[in-house]
C-alpha atoms as a PDB file:
ATOM      1  CA  MET A   1       0.000   0.000   0.000  1.00  0.00           C
ATOM      2  CA  SER A   2       1.417   3.415  -0.974  1.00  0.00           C
ATOM      3  CA  GLU A   3       1.600   6.249   1.500  1.00  0.00           C
ATOM      4  CA  ILE A   4       0.144   9.668   0.792  1.00  0.00           C
ATOM      5  CA  GLU A   5       2.654  12.477   1.135  1.00  0.00           C
ATOM      6  CA  ALA A   6       2.106  16.170   1.740  1.00  0.00           C
ATOM      7  CA  LYS A   7       3.051  18.761  -0.863  1.00  0.00           C
ATOM      8  CA  PHE A   8       5.291  21.713  -0.047  1.00  0.00           C
ATOM      9  CA  ILE A   9       4.343  24.825  -2.020  1.00  0.00           C
ATOM     10  CA  GLU A  10       6.461  27.965  -1.870  1.00  0.00           C
ATOM     11  CA  THR A  11       4.182  30.921  -1.071  1.00  0.00           C
ATOM     12  CA  SER A  12       6.640  33.615   0.055  1.00  0.00           C
ATOM     13  CA  ASP A  13       5.909  35.995  -2.845  1.00  0.00           C
ATOM     14  CA  GLN A  14       2.263  35.061  -3.263  1.00  0.00           C
ATOM     15  CA  GLU A  15      -0.175  37.955  -3.492  1.00  0.00           C
ATOM     16  CA  ILE A  16      -3.131  37.992  -1.129  1.00  0.00           C
ATOM     17  CA  ARG A  17      -6.258  36.974  -2.984  1.00  0.00           C
ATOM     18  CA  PRO A  18      -8.620  39.930  -3.534  1.00  0.00           C
ATOM     19  CA  MET A  19     -11.904  39.740  -1.642  1.00  0.00           C
ATOM     20  CA  ASN A  20     -15.068  39.125  -3.607  1.00  0.00           C
ATOM     21  CA  PHE A  21     -17.558  41.479  -1.950  1.00  0.00           C
ATOM     22  CA  TRP A  22     -21.190  40.795  -2.753  1.00  0.00           C
ATOM     23  CA  PRO A  23     -23.398  43.813  -3.407  1.00  0.00           C
ATOM     24  CA  ALA A  24     -26.266  44.482  -1.005  1.00  0.00           C
ATOM     25  CA  MET A  25     -29.728  43.548  -2.175  1.00  0.00           C
ATOM     26  CA  VAL A  26     -33.311  43.589  -0.956  1.00  0.00           C
ATOM     27  CA  ILE A  27     -35.763  40.722  -1.354  1.00  0.00           C
ATOM     28  CA  PRO A  28     -39.127  42.510  -1.501  1.00  0.00           C
ATOM     29  CA  ARG A  29     -41.973  41.255   0.672  1.00  0.00           C
ATOM     30  CA  GLN A  30     -44.090  40.575  -2.421  1.00  0.00           C
ATOM     31  CA  GLN A  31     -41.474  38.177  -3.827  1.00  0.00           C
ATOM     32  CA  ILE A  32     -41.463  36.239  -0.542  1.00  0.00           C
ATOM     33  CA  GLU A  33     -45.276  36.158  -0.484  1.00  0.00           C
ATOM     34  CA  ASN A  34     -45.330  34.968  -4.118  1.00  0.00           C
ATOM     35  CA  GLU A  35     -42.916  32.152  -3.259  1.00  0.00           C
ATOM     36  CA  ILE A  36     -45.023  31.153  -0.252  1.00  0.00           C
ATOM     37  CA  GLN A  37     -47.993  30.870  -2.614  1.00  0.00           C
ATOM     38  CA  ASN A  38     -45.895  28.808  -5.056  1.00  0.00           C
ATOM     39  CA  LEU A  39     -45.042  26.438  -2.202  1.00  0.00           C
ATOM     40  CA  ALA A  40     -48.721  26.278  -1.206  1.00  0.00           C
ATOM     41  CA  ASP A  41     -49.690  25.341  -4.772  1.00  0.00           C
ATOM     42  CA  ARG A  42     -47.241  22.402  -4.924  1.00  0.00           C
ATOM     43  CA  ASP A  43     -47.999  18.871  -3.862  1.00  0.00           C
ATOM     44  CA  ARG A  44     -46.622  17.933  -0.471  1.00  0.00           C
ATOM     45  CA  PRO A  45     -43.306  16.085  -0.949  1.00  0.00           C
ATOM     46  CA  ALA A  46     -42.694  12.752   0.800  1.00  0.00           C
ATOM     47  CA  ASN A  47     -40.580  14.381   3.531  1.00  0.00           C
ATOM     48  CA  GLY A  48     -43.215  17.077   4.093  1.00  0.00           C
ATOM     49  CA  ARG A  49     -40.663  19.859   3.580  1.00  0.00           C
ATOM     50  CA  ARG A  50     -41.917  22.535   1.225  1.00  0.00           C
ATOM     51  CA  MET A  51     -38.988  24.948   1.154  1.00  0.00           C
ATOM     52  CA  THR A  52     -37.164  27.362  -1.118  1.00  0.00           C
ATOM     53  CA  SER A  53     -33.670  28.785  -0.659  1.00  0.00           C
ATOM     54  CA  ILE A  54     -33.136  32.481  -1.320  1.00  0.00           C
ATOM     55  CA  VAL A  55     -29.781  32.662  -3.122  1.00  0.00           C
ATOM     56  CA  HIS A  56     -27.658  35.728  -3.887  1.00  0.00           C
ATOM     57  CA  PRO A  57     -26.690  35.947  -7.592  1.00  0.00           C
ATOM     58  CA  CYS A  58     -22.977  36.007  -6.602  1.00  0.00           C
ATOM     59  CA  SER A  59     -23.231  32.735  -4.665  1.00  0.00           C
ATOM     60  CA  THR A  60     -21.467  29.668  -6.066  1.00  0.00           C
ATOM     61  CA  GLU A  61     -21.616  25.975  -5.226  1.00  0.00           C
ATOM     62  CA  PRO A  62     -20.936  24.288  -2.988  1.00  0.00           C
ATOM     63  CA  GLY A  63     -22.758  26.167  -0.280  1.00  0.00           C
ATOM     64  CA  LEU A  64     -25.276  28.432  -1.999  1.00  0.00           C
ATOM     65  CA  GLY A  65     -26.536  31.213   0.252  1.00  0.00           C
ATOM     66  CA  LEU A  66     -27.885  34.730   0.544  1.00  0.00           C
ATOM     67  CA  ALA A  67     -24.620  35.910   2.101  1.00  0.00           C
ATOM     68  CA  PRO A  68     -21.217  34.221   2.163  1.00  0.00           C
ATOM     69  CA  GLY A  69     -21.601  31.246   4.492  1.00  0.00           C
ATOM     70  CA  ILE A  70     -25.258  31.934   5.395  1.00  0.00           C
ATOM     71  CA  ASP A  71     -28.424  30.557   3.860  1.00  0.00           C
ATOM     72  CA  VAL A  72     -31.994  31.798   4.142  1.00  0.00           C
ATOM     73  CA  THR A  73     -34.811  29.378   3.439  1.00  0.00           C
ATOM     74  CA  ILE A  74     -38.562  29.912   3.170  1.00  0.00           C
ATOM     75  CA  ASN A  75     -40.339  26.984   4.850  1.00  0.00           C
ATOM     76  CA  PHE A  76     -44.049  26.280   4.477  1.00  0.00           C
ATOM     77  CA  LEU A  77     -46.731  24.007   5.972  1.00  0.00           C
ATOM     78  CA  LYS A  78     -50.476  23.800   5.333  1.00  0.00           C
ATOM     79  CA  PRO A  79     -52.815  23.344   8.313  1.00  0.00           C
ATOM     80  CA  GLY A  80     -52.418  19.866   9.798  1.00  0.00           C
ATOM     81  CA  GLU A  81     -49.150  19.139   8.007  1.00  0.00           C
ATOM     82  CA  GLU A  82     -45.998  17.923   9.721  1.00  0.00           C
ATOM     83  CA  ASN A  83     -42.616  17.196   8.193  1.00  0.00           C
ATOM     84  CA  VAL A  84     -40.364  14.251   8.986  1.00  0.00           C
ATOM     85  CA  PRO A  85     -37.560  14.696  11.537  1.00  0.00           C
ATOM     86  CA  LEU A  86     -34.252  15.992  10.210  1.00  0.00           C
ATOM     87  CA  ARG A  87     -30.815  16.480  11.743  1.00  0.00           C
ATOM     88  CA  ARG A  88     -28.197  18.820  10.293  1.00  0.00           C
ATOM     89  CA  ASN A  89     -24.695  19.771  11.338  1.00  0.00           C
ATOM     90  CA  SER A  90     -25.540  23.477  11.013  1.00  0.00           C
ATOM     91  CA  ASN A  91     -27.137  25.792  13.543  1.00  0.00           C
ATOM     92  CA  GLN A  92     -30.336  27.622  12.638  1.00  0.00           C
ATOM     93  CA  ILE A  93     -32.209  30.724  13.665  1.00  0.00           C
ATOM     94  CA  VAL A  94     -35.866  30.543  12.642  1.00  0.00           C
ATOM     95  CA  MET A  95     -38.577  33.236  12.482  1.00  0.00           C
ATOM     96  CA  CYS A  96     -42.273  32.655  11.853  1.00  0.00           C
ATOM     97  CA  ILE A  97     -43.647  35.114   9.294  1.00  0.00           C
ATOM     98  CA  LYS A  98     -47.161  33.693   8.829  1.00  0.00           C
ATOM     99  CA  GLY A  99     -49.506  31.524  10.874  1.00  0.00           C
ATOM    100  CA  GLU A 100     -48.555  29.384  13.837  1.00  0.00           C
ATOM    101  CA  GLY A 101     -47.255  25.941  14.641  1.00  0.00           C
ATOM    102  CA  ARG A 102     -44.989  23.806  16.764  1.00  0.00           C
ATOM    103  CA  ALA A 103     -41.295  23.045  16.543  1.00  0.00           C
ATOM    104  CA  VAL A 104     -40.104  19.796  18.068  1.00  0.00           C
ATOM    105  CA  ILE A 105     -36.351  20.197  18.646  1.00  0.00           C
ATOM    106  CA  GLY A 106     -34.814  17.190  20.364  1.00  0.00           C
ATOM    107  CA  ASP A 107     -36.962  16.606  23.462  1.00  0.00           C
ATOM    108  CA  THR A 108     -38.309  20.172  23.499  1.00  0.00           C
ATOM    109  CA  GLU A 109     -41.605  21.229  21.932  1.00  0.00           C
ATOM    110  CA  LEU A 110     -42.062  24.946  21.228  1.00  0.00           C
ATOM    111  CA  ALA A 111     -45.292  26.635  20.185  1.00  0.00           C
ATOM    112  CA  PHE A 112     -44.697  29.567  17.831  1.00  0.00           C
ATOM    113  CA  GLU A 113     -46.674  32.254  16.049  1.00  0.00           C
ATOM    114  CA  ARG A 114     -45.985  35.152  13.718  1.00  0.00           C
ATOM    115  CA  PHE A 115     -42.792  37.060  14.580  1.00  0.00           C
ATOM    116  CA  ASP A 116     -41.578  34.482  17.136  1.00  0.00           C
ATOM    117  CA  VAL A 117     -37.894  33.587  16.775  1.00  0.00           C
ATOM    118  CA  TRP A 118     -36.138  30.427  18.004  1.00  0.00           C
ATOM    119  CA  ASN A 119     -32.886  28.573  17.557  1.00  0.00           C
ATOM    120  CA  THR A 120     -32.215  25.020  16.454  1.00  0.00           C
ATOM    121  CA  PRO A 121     -28.819  23.711  17.614  1.00  0.00           C
ATOM    122  CA  SER A 122     -26.714  21.562  15.325  1.00  0.00           C
ATOM    123  CA  MET A 123     -26.909  17.753  15.439  1.00  0.00           C
ATOM    124  CA  VAL A 124     -30.356  17.706  17.088  1.00  0.00           C
ATOM    125  CA  ASN A 125     -33.372  16.104  15.401  1.00  0.00           C
ATOM    126  CA  TYR A 126     -36.105  18.611  14.633  1.00  0.00           C
ATOM    127  CA  ARG A 127     -39.451  18.770  12.874  1.00  0.00           C
ATOM    128  CA  TYR A 128     -42.285  21.244  12.430  1.00  0.00           C
ATOM    129  CA  ARG A 129     -46.048  20.960  12.355  1.00  0.00           C
ATOM    130  CA  ASN A 130     -48.811  23.398  11.571  1.00  0.00           C
ATOM    131  CA  ASP A 131     -51.537  22.860  14.143  1.00  0.00           C
ATOM    132  CA  GLY A 132     -53.243  26.156  13.281  1.00  0.00           C
ATOM    133  CA  LYS A 133     -56.074  26.924  10.866  1.00  0.00           C
ATOM    134  CA  GLU A 134     -54.094  28.975   8.333  1.00  0.00           C
ATOM    135  CA  LEU A 135     -50.956  28.606   6.241  1.00  0.00           C
ATOM    136  CA  CYS A 136     -47.689  28.610   8.207  1.00  0.00           C
ATOM    137  CA  ALA A 137     -44.469  30.071   6.810  1.00  0.00           C
ATOM    138  CA  PHE A 138     -41.154  30.678   8.497  1.00  0.00           C
ATOM    139  CA  LEU A 139     -37.678  31.790   7.498  1.00  0.00           C
ATOM    140  CA  SER A 140     -34.645  29.798   8.617  1.00  0.00           C
ATOM    141  CA  TYR A 141     -31.108  31.182   8.627  1.00  0.00           C
ATOM    142  CA  SER A 142     -28.166  28.810   8.969  1.00  0.00           C
ATOM    143  CA  ASN A 143     -24.437  28.424   8.548  1.00  0.00           C
ATOM    144  CA  ALA A 144     -24.901  25.375   6.297  1.00  0.00           C
ATOM    145  CA  PRO A 145     -23.220  27.011   3.248  1.00  0.00           C
ATOM    146  CA  LEU A 146     -20.053  27.646   5.243  1.00  0.00           C
ATOM    147  CA  LEU A 147     -19.963  24.028   6.396  1.00  0.00           C
ATOM    148  CA  GLU A 148     -20.627  22.823   2.815  1.00  0.00           C
ATOM    149  CA  LYS A 149     -17.720  24.911   1.497  1.00  0.00           C
ATOM    150  CA  LEU A 150     -15.492  23.432   4.224  1.00  0.00           C
ATOM    151  CA  GLU A 151     -16.906  19.977   3.380  1.00  0.00           C
ATOM    152  CA  VAL A 152     -17.853  19.202   6.976  1.00  0.00           C
END
């Protein structure tokens, strides 16, 4: 069996790579509401997760996001719907923007409504359910793109 050896690369005169600054942008409320309606019009997928990532035009794979290293996702549930548990290695901050529901994060169950904000720690199973009478939508923000770029 052959051994893998490290490379030695001379970098003494190497220029510092220029930063690639992304321009600021606004995602208008109407675009978010239109996407929520698009999600509402789709059939429920097997995992129950109707979701859309909001991606900056400067973002590149792996690790697409709205800002370098940060993703923003629109999540949606119809009344009575629940998605299957999921566990990710990224942390999340979540904010309800429409309706109400429940987040089950590990052994903790949290009721939420419009404008409530909560966190979901990494490596903990979580799922959401809409136990209200109207559509439920929430935005999640995570460091998943950073972890994808680092391949962890």
